């Protein structure tokens, strides 16, 4: 078993090109089955700073290739869902 806090420490990296996406900010969970459906990653567009535009990237659980000690490797053959600004998932 792995805790959310342990998952949040792991950096998410795209297998195809080595892009570092960042760290998990939240999870999407199936309320009925209690299974993780997707990882939610906080992203910043543009310059790193006070005025950077932020949003969320949602990566489906099926896109995870492996969860290692320090990283989570994902395959992004399909584009991840990008939510900008203050958009809610509900």
PDB file of N, CA and C in Angstrom:
ATOM      1  N   UNK A   1       0.849  -1.178   0.000  1.00  0.00           N
ATOM      2  CA  UNK A   1       0.000   0.000   0.000  1.00  0.00           C
ATOM      3  C   UNK A   1       0.889   1.233   0.000  1.00  0.00           C
ATOM      4  N   UNK A   2       0.440   2.263  -0.694  1.00  0.00           N
ATOM      5  CA  UNK A   2       1.179   3.514  -0.753  1.00  0.00           C
ATOM      6  C   UNK A   2       0.250   4.657  -0.342  1.00  0.00           C
ATOM      7  N   UNK A   3       0.791   5.602   0.386  1.00  0.00           N
ATOM      8  CA  UNK A   3       0.018   6.746   0.865  1.00  0.00           C
ATOM      9  C   UNK A   3       0.065   7.877  -0.151  1.00  0.00           C
ATOM     10  N   UNK A   4      -0.955   8.741  -0.128  1.00  0.00           N
ATOM     11  CA  UNK A   4      -0.982   9.906  -1.017  1.00  0.00           C
ATOM     12  C   UNK A   4       0.251  10.766  -0.796  1.00  0.00           C
ATOM     13  N   UNK A   5       0.646  10.962   0.445  1.00  0.00           N
ATOM     14  CA  UNK A   5       1.821  11.790   0.734  1.00  0.00           C
ATOM     15  C   UNK A   5       3.079  11.219   0.085  1.00  0.00           C
ATOM     16  N   UNK A   6       3.168   9.893  -0.015  1.00  0.00           N
ATOM     17  CA  UNK A   6       4.313   9.262  -0.674  1.00  0.00           C
ATOM     18  C   UNK A   6       4.240   9.470  -2.182  1.00  0.00           C
ATOM     19  N   UNK A   7       3.031   9.367  -2.751  1.00  0.00           N
ATOM     20  CA  UNK A   7       2.860   9.617  -4.183  1.00  0.00           C
ATOM     21  C   UNK A   7       3.226  11.056  -4.540  1.00  0.00           C
ATOM     22  N   UNK A   8       2.849  11.994  -3.684  1.00  0.00           N
ATOM     23  CA  UNK A   8       3.096  13.410  -3.953  1.00  0.00           C
ATOM     24  C   UNK A   8       4.582  13.754  -3.958  1.00  0.00           C
ATOM     25  N   UNK A   9       5.407  12.931  -3.363  1.00  0.00           N
ATOM     26  CA  UNK A   9       6.860  13.172  -3.337  1.00  0.00           C
ATOM     27  C   UNK A   9       7.531  12.759  -4.654  1.00  0.00           C
ATOM     28  N   UNK A  10       6.858  11.923  -5.419  1.00  0.00           N
ATOM     29  CA  UNK A  10       7.442  11.398  -6.654  1.00  0.00           C
ATOM     30  C   UNK A  10       7.213  12.361  -7.815  1.00  0.00           C
ATOM     31  N   UNK A  11       8.254  12.576  -8.604  1.00  0.00           N
ATOM     32  CA  UNK A  11       8.139  13.439  -9.779  1.00  0.00           C
ATOM     33  C   UNK A  11       7.533  12.638 -10.933  1.00  0.00           C
ATOM     34  N   UNK A  12       6.680  13.288 -11.712  1.00  0.00           N
ATOM     35  CA  UNK A  12       6.034  12.629 -12.845  1.00  0.00           C
ATOM     36  C   UNK A  12       6.799  12.970 -14.117  1.00  0.00           C
ATOM     37  N   UNK A  13       7.196  11.930 -14.841  1.00  0.00           N
ATOM     38  CA  UNK A  13       8.013  12.100 -16.045  1.00  0.00           C
ATOM     39  C   UNK A  13       7.369  11.351 -17.206  1.00  0.00           C
ATOM     40  N   UNK A  14       7.363  12.000 -18.382  1.00  0.00           N
ATOM     41  CA  UNK A  14       6.810  11.402 -19.607  1.00  0.00           C
ATOM     42  C   UNK A  14       7.871  10.489 -20.218  1.00  0.00           C
ATOM     43  N   UNK A  15       7.511   9.233 -20.445  1.00  0.00           N
ATOM     44  CA  UNK A  15       8.447   8.248 -21.002  1.00  0.00           C
ATOM     45  C   UNK A  15       8.948   8.650 -22.390  1.00  0.00           C
ATOM     46  N   UNK A  16       8.040   9.106 -23.246  1.00  0.00           N
ATOM     47  CA  UNK A  16       8.381   9.348 -24.651  1.00  0.00           C
ATOM     48  C   UNK A  16       9.483  10.385 -24.850  1.00  0.00           C
ATOM     49  N   UNK A  17       9.525  11.424 -24.014  1.00  0.00           N
ATOM     50  CA  UNK A  17      10.503  12.504 -24.254  1.00  0.00           C
ATOM     51  C   UNK A  17      11.225  12.984 -23.004  1.00  0.00           C
ATOM     52  N   UNK A  18      10.967  12.378 -21.852  1.00  0.00           N
ATOM     53  CA  UNK A  18      11.669  12.755 -20.624  1.00  0.00           C
ATOM     54  C   UNK A  18      11.194  14.045 -19.978  1.00  0.00           C
ATOM     55  N   UNK A  19      10.087  14.604 -20.464  1.00  0.00           N
ATOM     56  CA  UNK A  19       9.562  15.847 -19.904  1.00  0.00           C
ATOM     57  C   UNK A  19       9.161  15.639 -18.450  1.00  0.00           C
ATOM     58  N   UNK A  20       9.551  16.582 -17.611  1.00  0.00           N
ATOM     59  CA  UNK A  20       9.181  16.557 -16.200  1.00  0.00           C
ATOM     60  C   UNK A  20       7.911  17.365 -16.027  1.00  0.00           C
ATOM     61  N   UNK A  21       6.858  16.707 -15.579  1.00  0.00           N
ATOM     62  CA  UNK A  21       5.569  17.377 -15.452  1.00  0.00           C
ATOM     63  C   UNK A  21       5.358  18.001 -14.076  1.00  0.00           C
ATOM     64  N   UNK A  22       6.064  17.520 -13.091  1.00  0.00           N
ATOM     65  CA  UNK A  22       5.894  18.055 -11.747  1.00  0.00           C
ATOM     66  C   UNK A  22       5.462  16.970 -10.786  1.00  0.00           C
ATOM     67  N   UNK A  23       4.679  17.364  -9.789  1.00  0.00           N
ATOM     68  CA  UNK A  23       4.247  16.446  -8.741  1.00  0.00           C
ATOM     69  C   UNK A  23       2.725  16.414  -8.649  1.00  0.00           C
ATOM     70  N   UNK A  24       2.206  15.349  -8.085  1.00  0.00           N
ATOM     71  CA  UNK A  24       0.757  15.189  -7.914  1.00  0.00           C
ATOM     72  C   UNK A  24       0.237  16.209  -6.911  1.00  0.00           C
ATOM     73  N   UNK A  25      -0.831  16.893  -7.289  1.00  0.00           N
ATOM     74  CA  UNK A  25      -1.474  17.812  -6.344  1.00  0.00           C
ATOM     75  C   UNK A  25      -2.743  17.187  -5.773  1.00  0.00           C
ATOM     76  N   UNK A  26      -3.345  16.245  -6.516  1.00  0.00           N
ATOM     77  CA  UNK A  26      -4.586  15.632  -6.060  1.00  0.00           C
ATOM     78  C   UNK A  26      -4.831  14.347  -6.859  1.00  0.00           C
ATOM     79  N   UNK A  27      -5.854  13.620  -6.463  1.00  0.00           N
ATOM     80  CA  UNK A  27      -6.255  12.399  -7.159  1.00  0.00           C
ATOM     81  C   UNK A  27      -7.734  12.469  -7.493  1.00  0.00           C
ATOM     82  N   UNK A  28      -8.127  11.816  -8.576  1.00  0.00           N
ATOM     83  CA  UNK A  28      -9.547  11.625  -8.874  1.00  0.00           C
ATOM     84  C   UNK A  28      -9.855  10.171  -8.511  1.00  0.00           C
ATOM     85  N   UNK A  29     -10.831   9.980  -7.625  1.00  0.00           N
ATOM     86  CA  UNK A  29     -11.127   8.647  -7.105  1.00  0.00           C
ATOM     87  C   UNK A  29     -12.559   8.256  -7.418  1.00  0.00           C
ATOM     88  N   UNK A  30     -12.736   7.004  -7.834  1.00  0.00           N
ATOM     89  CA  UNK A  30     -14.069   6.436  -8.061  1.00  0.00           C
ATOM     90  C   UNK A  30     -14.690   6.185  -6.688  1.00  0.00           C
ATOM     91  N   UNK A  31     -15.751   6.908  -6.378  1.00  0.00           N
ATOM     92  CA  UNK A  31     -16.381   6.819  -5.062  1.00  0.00           C
ATOM     93  C   UNK A  31     -16.976   5.444  -4.785  1.00  0.00           C
ATOM     94  N   UNK A  32     -17.457   4.769  -5.813  1.00  0.00           N
ATOM     95  CA  UNK A  32     -18.112   3.469  -5.640  1.00  0.00           C
ATOM     96  C   UNK A  32     -17.091   2.374  -5.356  1.00  0.00           C
ATOM     97  N   UNK A  33     -16.042   2.313  -6.177  1.00  0.00           N
ATOM     98  CA  UNK A  33     -15.059   1.238  -6.062  1.00  0.00           C
ATOM     99  C   UNK A  33     -13.840   1.600  -5.231  1.00  0.00           C
ATOM    100  N   UNK A  34     -13.660   2.892  -4.951  1.00  0.00           N
ATOM    101  CA  UNK A  34     -12.507   3.337  -4.176  1.00  0.00           C
ATOM    102  C   UNK A  34     -11.191   3.234  -4.928  1.00  0.00           C
ATOM    103  N   UNK A  35     -11.260   3.252  -6.243  1.00  0.00           N
ATOM    104  CA  UNK A  35     -10.048   3.155  -7.071  1.00  0.00           C
ATOM    105  C   UNK A  35      -9.639   4.520  -7.598  1.00  0.00           C
ATOM    106  N   UNK A  36      -8.340   4.685  -7.789  1.00  0.00           N
ATOM    107  CA  UNK A  36      -7.815   5.924  -8.364  1.00  0.00           C
ATOM    108  C   UNK A  36      -8.099   5.914  -9.857  1.00  0.00           C
ATOM    109  N   UNK A  37      -8.738   6.977 -10.350  1.00  0.00           N
ATOM    110  CA  UNK A  37      -9.028   7.103 -11.777  1.00  0.00           C
ATOM    111  C   UNK A  37      -7.973   7.926 -12.497  1.00  0.00           C
ATOM    112  N   UNK A  38      -7.452   8.957 -11.804  1.00  0.00           N
ATOM    113  CA  UNK A  38      -6.519   9.859 -12.466  1.00  0.00           C
ATOM    114  C   UNK A  38      -5.650  10.589 -11.452  1.00  0.00           C
ATOM    115  N   UNK A  39      -4.489  11.024 -11.935  1.00  0.00           N
ATOM    116  CA  UNK A  39      -3.598  11.894 -11.173  1.00  0.00           C
ATOM    117  C   UNK A  39      -3.851  13.321 -11.617  1.00  0.00           C
ATOM    118  N   UNK A  40      -3.861  14.239 -10.687  1.00  0.00           N
ATOM    119  CA  UNK A  40      -4.034  15.651 -11.022  1.00  0.00           C
ATOM    120  C   UNK A  40      -2.740  16.363 -10.674  1.00  0.00           C
ATOM    121  N   UNK A  41      -2.184  17.051 -11.668  1.00  0.00           N
ATOM    122  CA  UNK A  41      -0.901  17.726 -11.509  1.00  0.00           C
ATOM    123  C   UNK A  41      -1.103  19.219 -11.679  1.00  0.00           C
ATOM    124  N   UNK A  42      -0.585  19.993 -10.756  1.00  0.00           N
ATOM    125  CA  UNK A  42      -0.639  21.452 -10.858  1.00  0.00           C
ATOM    126  C   UNK A  42       0.465  21.885 -11.817  1.00  0.00           C
ATOM    127  N   UNK A  43       0.110  22.657 -12.836  1.00  0.00           N
ATOM    128  CA  UNK A  43       1.107  23.118 -13.798  1.00  0.00           C
ATOM    129  C   UNK A  43       1.107  24.638 -13.864  1.00  0.00           C
ATOM    130  N   UNK A  44       2.247  25.186 -14.259  1.00  0.00           N
ATOM    131  CA  UNK A  44       2.362  26.623 -14.474  1.00  0.00           C
ATOM    132  C   UNK A  44       2.798  26.849 -15.911  1.00  0.00           C
ATOM    133  N   UNK A  45       2.103  27.725 -16.575  1.00  0.00           N
ATOM    134  CA  UNK A  45       2.430  28.060 -17.957  1.00  0.00           C
ATOM    135  C   UNK A  45       3.206  29.364 -17.956  1.00  0.00           C
ATOM    136  N   UNK A  46       4.183  29.450 -18.815  1.00  0.00           N
ATOM    137  CA  UNK A  46       4.942  30.691 -18.924  1.00  0.00           C
ATOM    138  C   UNK A  46       6.044  30.746 -17.889  1.00  0.00           C
ATOM    139  N   UNK A  47       6.398  31.944 -17.503  1.00  0.00           N
ATOM    140  CA  UNK A  47       7.507  32.161 -16.587  1.00  0.00           C
ATOM    141  C   UNK A  47       7.157  31.680 -15.188  1.00  0.00           C
ATOM    142  N   UNK A  48       8.201  31.219 -14.497  1.00  0.00           N
ATOM    143  CA  UNK A  48       8.018  30.858 -13.090  1.00  0.00           C
ATOM    144  C   UNK A  48       8.017  32.149 -12.296  1.00  0.00           C
ATOM    145  N   UNK A  49       6.927  32.444 -11.717  1.00  0.00           N
ATOM    146  CA  UNK A  49       6.861  33.676 -10.954  1.00  0.00           C
ATOM    147  C   UNK A  49       5.459  33.960 -10.506  1.00  0.00           C
ATOM    148  N   UNK A  50       5.297  35.114  -9.958  1.00  0.00           N
ATOM    149  CA  UNK A  50       4.040  35.517  -9.362  1.00  0.00           C
ATOM    150  C   UNK A  50       2.899  35.587 -10.377  1.00  0.00           C
ATOM    151  N   UNK A  51       3.219  35.934 -11.620  1.00  0.00           N
ATOM    152  CA  UNK A  51       2.179  36.155 -12.621  1.00  0.00           C
ATOM    153  C   UNK A  51       2.044  35.008 -13.613  1.00  0.00           C
ATOM    154  N   UNK A  52       2.635  33.855 -13.300  1.00  0.00           N
ATOM    155  CA  UNK A  52       2.511  32.697 -14.180  1.00  0.00           C
ATOM    156  C   UNK A  52       1.077  32.191 -14.163  1.00  0.00           C
ATOM    157  N   UNK A  53       0.598  31.776 -15.318  1.00  0.00           N
ATOM    158  CA  UNK A  53      -0.742  31.206 -15.450  1.00  0.00           C
ATOM    159  C   UNK A  53      -0.686  29.772 -14.948  1.00  0.00           C
ATOM    160  N   UNK A  54      -1.638  29.391 -14.128  1.00  0.00           N
ATOM    161  CA  UNK A  54      -1.602  28.020 -13.635  1.00  0.00           C
ATOM    162  C   UNK A  54      -2.854  27.266 -14.060  1.00  0.00           C
ATOM    163  N   UNK A  55      -2.767  25.980 -14.004  1.00  0.00           N
ATOM    164  CA  UNK A  55      -3.885  25.120 -14.348  1.00  0.00           C
ATOM    165  C   UNK A  55      -3.611  23.723 -13.842  1.00  0.00           C
ATOM    166  N   UNK A  56      -4.418  22.790 -14.274  1.00  0.00           N
ATOM    167  CA  UNK A  56      -4.245  21.412 -13.859  1.00  0.00           C
ATOM    168  C   UNK A  56      -4.183  20.493 -15.072  1.00  0.00           C
ATOM    169  N   UNK A  57      -3.377  19.469 -14.959  1.00  0.00           N
ATOM    170  CA  UNK A  57      -3.285  18.432 -15.979  1.00  0.00           C
ATOM    171  C   UNK A  57      -3.807  17.155 -15.347  1.00  0.00           C
ATOM    172  N   UNK A  58      -4.686  16.470 -16.041  1.00  0.00           N
ATOM    173  CA  UNK A  58      -5.240  15.226 -15.528  1.00  0.00           C
ATOM    174  C   UNK A  58      -4.702  14.072 -16.367  1.00  0.00           C
ATOM    175  N   UNK A  59      -4.049  13.143 -15.680  1.00  0.00           N
ATOM    176  CA  UNK A  59      -3.464  11.979 -16.338  1.00  0.00           C
ATOM    177  C   UNK A  59      -4.194  10.744 -15.840  1.00  0.00           C
ATOM    178  N   UNK A  60      -4.816  10.013 -16.758  1.00  0.00           N
ATOM    179  CA  UNK A  60      -5.571   8.816 -16.408  1.00  0.00           C
ATOM    180  C   UNK A  60      -4.682   7.730 -15.808  1.00  0.00           C
ATOM    181  N   UNK A  61      -5.239   6.976 -14.889  1.00  0.00           N
ATOM    182  CA  UNK A  61      -4.494   5.893 -14.237  1.00  0.00           C
ATOM    183  C   UNK A  61      -3.943   4.915 -15.271  1.00  0.00           C
ATOM    184  N   UNK A  62      -4.680   4.711 -16.361  1.00  0.00           N
ATOM    185  CA  UNK A  62      -4.239   3.783 -17.412  1.00  0.00           C
ATOM    186  C   UNK A  62      -2.989   4.281 -18.144  1.00  0.00           C
ATOM    187  N   UNK A  63      -2.641   5.549 -17.980  1.00  0.00           N
ATOM    188  CA  UNK A  63      -1.468   6.108 -18.647  1.00  0.00           C
ATOM    189  C   UNK A  63      -0.182   5.932 -17.828  1.00  0.00           C
ATOM    190  N   UNK A  64      -0.298   5.428 -16.609  1.00  0.00           N
ATOM    191  CA  UNK A  64       0.884   5.223 -15.774  1.00  0.00           C
ATOM    192  C   UNK A  64       1.577   3.949 -16.215  1.00  0.00           C
ATOM    193  N   UNK A  65       2.859   4.068 -16.561  1.00  0.00           N
ATOM    194  CA  UNK A  65       3.644   2.905 -16.977  1.00  0.00           C
ATOM    195  C   UNK A  65       4.228   2.201 -15.758  1.00  0.00           C
ATOM    196  N   UNK A  66       4.774   2.975 -14.828  1.00  0.00           N
ATOM    197  CA  UNK A  66       5.354   2.400 -13.623  1.00  0.00           C
ATOM    198  C   UNK A  66       5.478   3.451 -12.529  1.00  0.00           C
ATOM    199  N   UNK A  67       5.412   2.988 -11.303  1.00  0.00           N
ATOM    200  CA  UNK A  67       5.637   3.851 -10.149  1.00  0.00           C
ATOM    201  C   UNK A  67       6.904   3.348  -9.483  1.00  0.00           C
ATOM    202  N   UNK A  68       7.951   4.172  -9.551  1.00  0.00           N
ATOM    203  CA  UNK A  68       9.231   3.792  -8.971  1.00  0.00           C
ATOM    204  C   UNK A  68       9.430   4.411  -7.601  1.00  0.00           C
ATOM    205  N   UNK A  69      10.653   4.284  -7.083  1.00  0.00           N
ATOM    206  CA  UNK A  69      10.969   4.850  -5.768  1.00  0.00           C
ATOM    207  C   UNK A  69      10.883   6.362  -5.760  1.00  0.00           C
ATOM    208  N   UNK A  70      11.368   6.997  -6.836  1.00  0.00           N
ATOM    209  CA  UNK A  70      11.447   8.456  -6.870  1.00  0.00           C
ATOM    210  C   UNK A  70      10.571   9.100  -7.938  1.00  0.00           C
ATOM    211  N   UNK A  71      10.161   8.334  -8.938  1.00  0.00           N
ATOM    212  CA  UNK A  71       9.417   8.909 -10.059  1.00  0.00           C
ATOM    213  C   UNK A  71       8.216   8.055 -10.432  1.00  0.00           C
ATOM    214  N   UNK A  72       7.296   8.693 -11.149  1.00  0.00           N
ATOM    215  CA  UNK A  72       6.171   8.003 -11.771  1.00  0.00           C
ATOM    216  C   UNK A  72       6.328   8.233 -13.272  1.00  0.00           C
ATOM    217  N   UNK A  73       6.465   7.152 -14.029  1.00  0.00           N
ATOM    218  CA  UNK A  73       6.616   7.267 -15.476  1.00  0.00           C
ATOM    219  C   UNK A  73       5.250   7.107 -16.132  1.00  0.00           C
ATOM    220  N   UNK A  74       4.928   8.064 -17.007  1.00  0.00           N
ATOM    221  CA  UNK A  74       3.630   8.031 -17.686  1.00  0.00           C
ATOM    222  C   UNK A  74       3.822   8.031 -19.191  1.00  0.00           C
ATOM    223  N   UNK A  75       2.861   7.439 -19.879  1.00  0.00           N
ATOM    224  CA  UNK A  75       2.836   7.439 -21.347  1.00  0.00           C
ATOM    225  C   UNK A  75       1.737   8.392 -21.776  1.00  0.00           C
ATOM    226  N   UNK A  76       2.101   9.362 -22.583  1.00  0.00           N
ATOM    227  CA  UNK A  76       1.113  10.343 -23.037  1.00  0.00           C
ATOM    228  C   UNK A  76       0.870  10.203 -24.528  1.00  0.00           C
ATOM    229  N   UNK A  77       0.553   8.982 -24.971  1.00  0.00           N
ATOM    230  CA  UNK A  77       0.210   8.761 -26.374  1.00  0.00           C
ATOM    231  C   UNK A  77      -1.030   9.546 -26.743  1.00  0.00           C
ATOM    232  N   UNK A  78      -1.937   9.699 -25.774  1.00  0.00           N
ATOM    233  CA  UNK A  78      -3.101  10.564 -25.954  1.00  0.00           C
ATOM    234  C   UNK A  78      -2.853  11.806 -25.108  1.00  0.00           C
ATOM    235  N   UNK A  79      -3.364  12.923 -25.539  1.00  0.00           N
ATOM    236  CA  UNK A  79      -3.136  14.166 -24.810  1.00  0.00           C
ATOM    237  C   UNK A  79      -3.857  14.155 -23.472  1.00  0.00           C
ATOM    238  N   UNK A  80      -3.163  14.614 -22.410  1.00  0.00           N
ATOM    239  CA  UNK A  80      -3.835  14.696 -21.116  1.00  0.00           C
ATOM    240  C   UNK A  80      -4.852  15.837 -21.115  1.00  0.00           C
ATOM    241  N   UNK A  81      -5.827  15.747 -20.245  1.00  0.00           N
ATOM    242  CA  UNK A  81      -6.834  16.789 -20.103  1.00  0.00           C
ATOM    243  C   UNK A  81      -6.219  17.961 -19.354  1.00  0.00           C
ATOM    244  N   UNK A  82      -6.306  19.151 -19.921  1.00  0.00           N
ATOM    245  CA  UNK A  82      -5.789  20.357 -19.274  1.00  0.00           C
ATOM    246  C   UNK A  82      -6.948  21.223 -18.829  1.00  0.00           C
ATOM    247  N   UNK A  83      -6.942  21.597 -17.559  1.00  0.00           N
ATOM    248  CA  UNK A  83      -7.937  22.503 -17.017  1.00  0.00           C
ATOM    249  C   UNK A  83      -7.220  23.779 -16.614  1.00  0.00           C
ATOM    250  N   UNK A  84      -7.726  24.918 -17.033  1.00  0.00           N
ATOM    251  CA  UNK A  84      -7.052  26.169 -16.708  1.00  0.00           C
ATOM    252  C   UNK A  84      -7.741  26.898 -15.592  1.00  0.00           C
ATOM    253  N   UNK A  85      -6.959  27.719 -14.924  1.00  0.00           N
ATOM    254  CA  UNK A  85      -7.496  28.608 -13.894  1.00  0.00           C
ATOM    255  C   UNK A  85      -8.187  27.893 -12.764  1.00  0.00           C
ATOM    256  N   UNK A  86      -9.368  28.398 -12.398  1.00  0.00           N
ATOM    257  CA  UNK A  86     -10.089  27.906 -11.235  1.00  0.00           C
ATOM    258  C   UNK A  86     -11.182  26.917 -11.617  1.00  0.00           C
ATOM    259  N   UNK A  87     -10.961  26.096 -12.584  1.00  0.00           N
ATOM    260  CA  UNK A  87     -11.967  25.149 -13.035  1.00  0.00           C
ATOM    261  C   UNK A  87     -12.090  23.997 -12.055  1.00  0.00           C
ATOM    262  N   UNK A  88     -13.304  23.628 -11.702  1.00  0.00           N
ATOM    263  CA  UNK A  88     -13.567  22.487 -10.828  1.00  0.00           C
ATOM    264  C   UNK A  88     -13.766  21.242 -11.652  1.00  0.00           C
ATOM    265  N   UNK A  89     -13.485  20.079 -11.054  1.00  0.00           N
ATOM    266  CA  UNK A  89     -13.714  18.810 -11.746  1.00  0.00           C
ATOM    267  C   UNK A  89     -15.162  18.383 -11.668  1.00  0.00           C
ATOM    268  N   UNK A  90     -15.910  18.903 -10.719  1.00  0.00           N
ATOM    269  CA  UNK A  90     -17.312  18.496 -10.544  1.00  0.00           C
ATOM    270  C   UNK A  90     -18.231  19.258 -11.449  1.00  0.00           C
TER     271      UNK A  90
END
